[in-house]
Amino acid sequence: MQELLTAITYPIVWLICSYVLRIESGMAKLLISLTAAILVYVLVGMKRSHKEKKEDQDD
């Protein structure tokens, strides 16, 4: 699930940069898209870790 969300985030952010924000620089779109994808990966991992930690404390 985590990897799937990351893989979907990259092209969506790329398209947003291209058509909504009208960024023409390929390097800027690349950096923004990769940063967003990595951020999604980290946030989902943190949420999963917090959830597992909470479940361990409840047991």
PDB file of N, CA and C in Angstrom:
ATOM      1  N   MET A   1       0.824  -1.192   0.000  1.00  0.00           N
ATOM      2  CA  MET A   1       0.000   0.000   0.000  1.00  0.00           C
ATOM      3  C   MET A   1       0.869   1.256   0.000  1.00  0.00           C
ATOM      4  N   GLN A   2       1.881   1.249   0.831  1.00  0.00           N
ATOM      5  CA  GLN A   2       2.762   2.402   0.961  1.00  0.00           C
ATOM      6  C   GLN A   2       3.481   2.691  -0.361  1.00  0.00           C
ATOM      7  N   GLU A   3       3.978   1.655  -1.004  1.00  0.00           N
ATOM      8  CA  GLU A   3       4.695   1.829  -2.259  1.00  0.00           C
ATOM      9  C   GLU A   3       3.755   2.244  -3.382  1.00  0.00           C
ATOM     10  N   LEU A   4       2.538   1.726  -3.355  1.00  0.00           N
ATOM     11  CA  LEU A   4       1.552   2.076  -4.371  1.00  0.00           C
ATOM     12  C   LEU A   4       1.188   3.560  -4.288  1.00  0.00           C
ATOM     13  N   LEU A   5       0.959   4.057  -3.093  1.00  0.00           N
ATOM     14  CA  LEU A   5       0.654   5.474  -2.926  1.00  0.00           C
ATOM     15  C   LEU A   5       1.805   6.352  -3.393  1.00  0.00           C
ATOM     16  N   THR A   6       3.029   5.910  -3.105  1.00  0.00           N
ATOM     17  CA  THR A   6       4.199   6.657  -3.539  1.00  0.00           C
ATOM     18  C   THR A   6       4.292   6.680  -5.062  1.00  0.00           C
ATOM     19  N   ALA A   7       4.049   5.543  -5.692  1.00  0.00           N
ATOM     20  CA  ALA A   7       4.114   5.457  -7.151  1.00  0.00           C
ATOM     21  C   ALA A   7       3.011   6.280  -7.815  1.00  0.00           C
ATOM     22  N   ILE A   8       1.873   6.394  -7.194  1.00  0.00           N
ATOM     23  CA  ILE A   8       0.778   7.185  -7.749  1.00  0.00           C
ATOM     24  C   ILE A   8       1.014   8.677  -7.524  1.00  0.00           C
ATOM     25  N   THR A   9       1.616   9.024  -6.405  1.00  0.00           N
ATOM     26  CA  THR A   9       1.859  10.422  -6.072  1.00  0.00           C
ATOM     27  C   THR A   9       2.767  11.100  -7.089  1.00  0.00           C
ATOM     28  N   TYR A  10       3.823  10.409  -7.510  1.00  0.00           N
ATOM     29  CA  TYR A  10       4.812  11.018  -8.408  1.00  0.00           C
ATOM     30  C   TYR A  10       4.194  11.557  -9.696  1.00  0.00           C
ATOM     31  N   PRO A  11       3.473  10.748 -10.491  1.00  0.00           N
ATOM     32  CA  PRO A  11       2.933  11.307 -11.737  1.00  0.00           C
ATOM     33  C   PRO A  11       1.818  12.337 -11.519  1.00  0.00           C
ATOM     34  N   ILE A  12       1.053  12.191 -10.435  1.00  0.00           N
ATOM     35  CA  ILE A  12      -0.003  13.163 -10.164  1.00  0.00           C
ATOM     36  C   ILE A  12       0.598  14.531  -9.868  1.00  0.00           C
ATOM     37  N   VAL A  13       1.632  14.562  -9.036  1.00  0.00           N
ATOM     38  CA  VAL A  13       2.279  15.837  -8.718  1.00  0.00           C
ATOM     39  C   VAL A  13       2.970  16.402  -9.960  1.00  0.00           C
ATOM     40  N   TRP A  14       3.544  15.534 -10.781  1.00  0.00           N
ATOM     41  CA  TRP A  14       4.180  15.984 -12.029  1.00  0.00           C
ATOM     42  C   TRP A  14       3.141  16.691 -12.918  1.00  0.00           C
ATOM     43  N   LEU A  15       1.963  16.093 -13.054  1.00  0.00           N
ATOM     44  CA  LEU A  15       0.910  16.699 -13.877  1.00  0.00           C
ATOM     45  C   LEU A  15       0.400  18.005 -13.269  1.00  0.00           C
ATOM     46  N   ILE A  16       0.287  18.049 -11.954  1.00  0.00           N
ATOM     47  CA  ILE A  16      -0.125  19.286 -11.289  1.00  0.00           C
ATOM     48  C   ILE A  16       0.884  20.388 -11.555  1.00  0.00           C
ATOM     49  N   CYS A  17       2.159  20.055 -11.470  1.00  0.00           N
ATOM     50  CA  CYS A  17       3.199  21.047 -11.753  1.00  0.00           C
ATOM     51  C   CYS A  17       3.138  21.516 -13.197  1.00  0.00           C
ATOM     52  N   SER A  18       2.874  20.612 -14.110  1.00  0.00           N
ATOM     53  CA  SER A  18       2.852  20.952 -15.534  1.00  0.00           C
ATOM     54  C   SER A  18       1.643  21.787 -15.926  1.00  0.00           C
ATOM     55  N   TYR A  19       0.453  21.353 -15.522  1.00  0.00           N
ATOM     56  CA  TYR A  19      -0.767  21.968 -16.033  1.00  0.00           C
ATOM     57  C   TYR A  19      -1.406  22.986 -15.092  1.00  0.00           C
ATOM     58  N   VAL A  20      -1.308  22.776 -13.805  1.00  0.00           N
ATOM     59  CA  VAL A  20      -1.939  23.713 -12.872  1.00  0.00           C
ATOM     60  C   VAL A  20      -0.983  24.839 -12.513  1.00  0.00           C
ATOM     61  N   LEU A  21       0.234  24.488 -12.136  1.00  0.00           N
ATOM     62  CA  LEU A  21       1.213  25.499 -11.728  1.00  0.00           C
ATOM     63  C   LEU A  21       2.006  26.066 -12.895  1.00  0.00           C
ATOM     64  N   ARG A  22       1.917  25.428 -14.064  1.00  0.00           N
ATOM     65  CA  ARG A  22       2.600  25.862 -15.287  1.00  0.00           C
ATOM     66  C   ARG A  22       4.114  25.980 -15.113  1.00  0.00           C
ATOM     67  N   ILE A  23       4.699  25.027 -14.419  1.00  0.00           N
ATOM     68  CA  ILE A  23       6.153  24.984 -14.265  1.00  0.00           C
ATOM     69  C   ILE A  23       6.724  24.323 -15.510  1.00  0.00           C
ATOM     70  N   GLU A  24       7.642  25.007 -16.179  1.00  0.00           N
ATOM     71  CA  GLU A  24       8.195  24.487 -17.424  1.00  0.00           C
ATOM     72  C   GLU A  24       9.531  23.768 -17.223  1.00  0.00           C
ATOM     73  N   SER A  25      10.195  24.035 -16.141  1.00  0.00           N
ATOM     74  CA  SER A  25      11.493  23.429 -15.880  1.00  0.00           C
ATOM     75  C   SER A  25      11.329  21.956 -15.493  1.00  0.00           C
ATOM     76  N   GLY A  26      11.948  21.093 -16.275  1.00  0.00           N
ATOM     77  CA  GLY A  26      11.870  19.659 -15.993  1.00  0.00           C
ATOM     78  C   GLY A  26      12.533  19.299 -14.675  1.00  0.00           C
ATOM     79  N   MET A  27      13.636  19.989 -14.361  1.00  0.00           N
ATOM     80  CA  MET A  27      14.346  19.720 -13.112  1.00  0.00           C
ATOM     81  C   MET A  27      13.491  20.108 -11.910  1.00  0.00           C
ATOM     82  N   ALA A  28      12.807  21.236 -11.992  1.00  0.00           N
ATOM     83  CA  ALA A  28      11.944  21.673 -10.889  1.00  0.00           C
ATOM     84  C   ALA A  28      10.791  20.690 -10.695  1.00  0.00           C
ATOM     85  N   LYS A  29      10.163  20.252 -11.795  1.00  0.00           N
ATOM     86  CA  LYS A  29       9.070  19.282 -11.687  1.00  0.00           C
ATOM     87  C   LYS A  29       9.572  17.973 -11.091  1.00  0.00           C
ATOM     88  N   LEU A  30      10.759  17.546 -11.502  1.00  0.00           N
ATOM     89  CA  LEU A  30      11.344  16.317 -10.978  1.00  0.00           C
ATOM     90  C   LEU A  30      11.563  16.413  -9.475  1.00  0.00           C
ATOM     91  N   LEU A  31      12.178  17.493  -9.036  1.00  0.00           N
ATOM     92  CA  LEU A  31      12.465  17.657  -7.611  1.00  0.00           C
ATOM     93  C   LEU A  31      11.185  17.761  -6.777  1.00  0.00           C
ATOM     94  N   ILE A  32      10.207  18.505  -7.264  1.00  0.00           N
ATOM     95  CA  ILE A  32       8.949  18.646  -6.528  1.00  0.00           C
ATOM     96  C   ILE A  32       8.215  17.311  -6.464  1.00  0.00           C
ATOM     97  N   SER A  33       8.169  16.591  -7.583  1.00  0.00           N
ATOM     98  CA  SER A  33       7.470  15.302  -7.628  1.00  0.00           C
ATOM     99  C   SER A  33       8.138  14.263  -6.736  1.00  0.00           C
ATOM    100  N   LEU A  34       9.458  14.194  -6.811  1.00  0.00           N
ATOM    101  CA  LEU A  34      10.168  13.230  -5.971  1.00  0.00           C
ATOM    102  C   LEU A  34      10.034  13.565  -4.492  1.00  0.00           C
ATOM    103  N   THR A  35      10.101  14.842  -4.166  1.00  0.00           N
ATOM    104  CA  THR A  35       9.937  15.256  -2.769  1.00  0.00           C
ATOM    105  C   THR A  35       8.553  14.876  -2.254  1.00  0.00           C
ATOM    106  N   ALA A  36       7.526  15.105  -3.060  1.00  0.00           N
ATOM    107  CA  ALA A  36       6.166  14.753  -2.647  1.00  0.00           C
ATOM    108  C   ALA A  36       6.028  13.241  -2.471  1.00  0.00           C
ATOM    109  N   ALA A  37       6.608  12.466  -3.392  1.00  0.00           N
ATOM    110  CA  ALA A  37       6.511  11.007  -3.297  1.00  0.00           C
ATOM    111  C   ALA A  37       7.233  10.494  -2.056  1.00  0.00           C
ATOM    112  N   ILE A  38       8.407  11.032  -1.775  1.00  0.00           N
ATOM    113  CA  ILE A  38       9.161  10.615  -0.581  1.00  0.00           C
ATOM    114  C   ILE A  38       8.412  11.024   0.678  1.00  0.00           C
ATOM    115  N   LEU A  39       7.809  12.205   0.669  1.00  0.00           N
ATOM    116  CA  LEU A  39       7.044  12.667   1.825  1.00  0.00           C
ATOM    117  C   LEU A  39       5.861  11.748   2.107  1.00  0.00           C
ATOM    118  N   VAL A  40       5.162  11.345   1.061  1.00  0.00           N
ATOM    119  CA  VAL A  40       4.037  10.409   1.230  1.00  0.00           C
ATOM    120  C   VAL A  40       4.546   9.098   1.819  1.00  0.00           C
ATOM    121  N   TYR A  41       5.662   8.585   1.302  1.00  0.00           N
ATOM    122  CA  TYR A  41       6.228   7.327   1.794  1.00  0.00           C
ATOM    123  C   TYR A  41       6.563   7.431   3.289  1.00  0.00           C
ATOM    124  N   VAL A  42       7.195   8.522   3.675  1.00  0.00           N
ATOM    125  CA  VAL A  42       7.595   8.706   5.076  1.00  0.00           C
ATOM    126  C   VAL A  42       6.378   8.871   5.973  1.00  0.00           C
ATOM    127  N   LEU A  43       5.414   9.672   5.551  1.00  0.00           N
ATOM    128  CA  LEU A  43       4.233   9.897   6.376  1.00  0.00           C
ATOM    129  C   LEU A  43       3.419   8.625   6.586  1.00  0.00           C
ATOM    130  N   VAL A  44       3.261   7.831   5.533  1.00  0.00           N
ATOM    131  CA  VAL A  44       2.531   6.565   5.675  1.00  0.00           C
ATOM    132  C   VAL A  44       3.302   5.619   6.599  1.00  0.00           C
ATOM    133  N   GLY A  45       4.620   5.597   6.469  1.00  0.00           N
ATOM    134  CA  GLY A  45       5.437   4.759   7.352  1.00  0.00           C
ATOM    135  C   GLY A  45       5.335   5.180   8.804  1.00  0.00           C
ATOM    136  N   MET A  46       5.335   6.493   9.038  1.00  0.00           N
ATOM    137  CA  MET A  46       5.200   6.992  10.406  1.00  0.00           C
ATOM    138  C   MET A  46       3.834   6.643  10.987  1.00  0.00           C
ATOM    139  N   LYS A  47       2.786   6.777  10.170  1.00  0.00           N
ATOM    140  CA  LYS A  47       1.439   6.444  10.631  1.00  0.00           C
ATOM    141  C   LYS A  47       1.339   4.966  10.972  1.00  0.00           C
ATOM    142  N   ARG A  48       1.905   4.113  10.114  1.00  0.00           N
ATOM    143  CA  ARG A  48       1.877   2.666  10.353  1.00  0.00           C
ATOM    144  C   ARG A  48       2.658   2.318  11.626  1.00  0.00           C
ATOM    145  N   SER A  49       3.801   2.940  11.806  1.00  0.00           N
ATOM    146  CA  SER A  49       4.623   2.679  12.988  1.00  0.00           C
ATOM    147  C   SER A  49       3.896   3.101  14.263  1.00  0.00           C
ATOM    148  N   HIS A  50       3.265   4.258  14.206  1.00  0.00           N
ATOM    149  CA  HIS A  50       2.526   4.747  15.370  1.00  0.00           C
ATOM    150  C   HIS A  50       1.362   3.804  15.706  1.00  0.00           C
ATOM    151  N   LYS A  51       0.682   3.324  14.667  1.00  0.00           N
ATOM    152  CA  LYS A  51      -0.453   2.422  14.868  1.00  0.00           C
ATOM    153  C   LYS A  51       0.009   1.101  15.490  1.00  0.00           C
ATOM    154  N   GLU A  52       1.117   0.546  14.986  1.00  0.00           N
ATOM    155  CA  GLU A  52       1.641  -0.707  15.536  1.00  0.00           C
ATOM    156  C   GLU A  52       2.116  -0.527  16.970  1.00  0.00           C
ATOM    157  N   LYS A  53       2.737   0.601  17.247  1.00  0.00           N
ATOM    158  CA  LYS A  53       3.212   0.876  18.597  1.00  0.00           C
ATOM    159  C   LYS A  53       2.035   0.985  19.571  1.00  0.00           C
ATOM    160  N   LYS A  54       0.967   1.623  19.126  1.00  0.00           N
ATOM    161  CA  LYS A  54      -0.226   1.768  19.958  1.00  0.00           C
ATOM    162  C   LYS A  54      -0.874   0.422  20.218  1.00  0.00           C
ATOM    163  N   GLU A  55      -0.925  -0.452  19.194  1.00  0.00           N
ATOM    164  CA  GLU A  55      -1.513  -1.770  19.367  1.00  0.00           C
ATOM    165  C   GLU A  55      -0.687  -2.620  20.329  1.00  0.00           C
ATOM    166  N   ASP A  56       0.640  -2.492  20.276  1.00  0.00           N
ATOM    167  CA  ASP A  56       1.504  -3.237  21.194  1.00  0.00           C
ATOM    168  C   ASP A  56       1.294  -2.788  22.641  1.00  0.00           C
ATOM    169  N   GLN A  57       1.054  -1.512  22.841  1.00  0.00           N
ATOM    170  CA  GLN A  57       0.832  -1.008  24.199  1.00  0.00           C
ATOM    171  C   GLN A  57      -0.519  -1.472  24.750  1.00  0.00           C
ATOM    172  N   ASP A  58      -1.493  -1.628  23.871  1.00  0.00           N
ATOM    173  CA  ASP A  58      -2.820  -2.060  24.308  1.00  0.00           C
ATOM    174  C   ASP A  58      -2.819  -3.532  24.739  1.00  0.00           C
ATOM    175  N   ASP A  59      -1.946  -4.337  24.155  1.00  0.00           N
ATOM    176  CA  ASP A  59      -1.906  -5.776  24.485  1.00  0.00           C
ATOM    177  C   ASP A  59      -1.216  -6.052  25.763  1.00  0.00           C
TER     178      ASP A  59
END
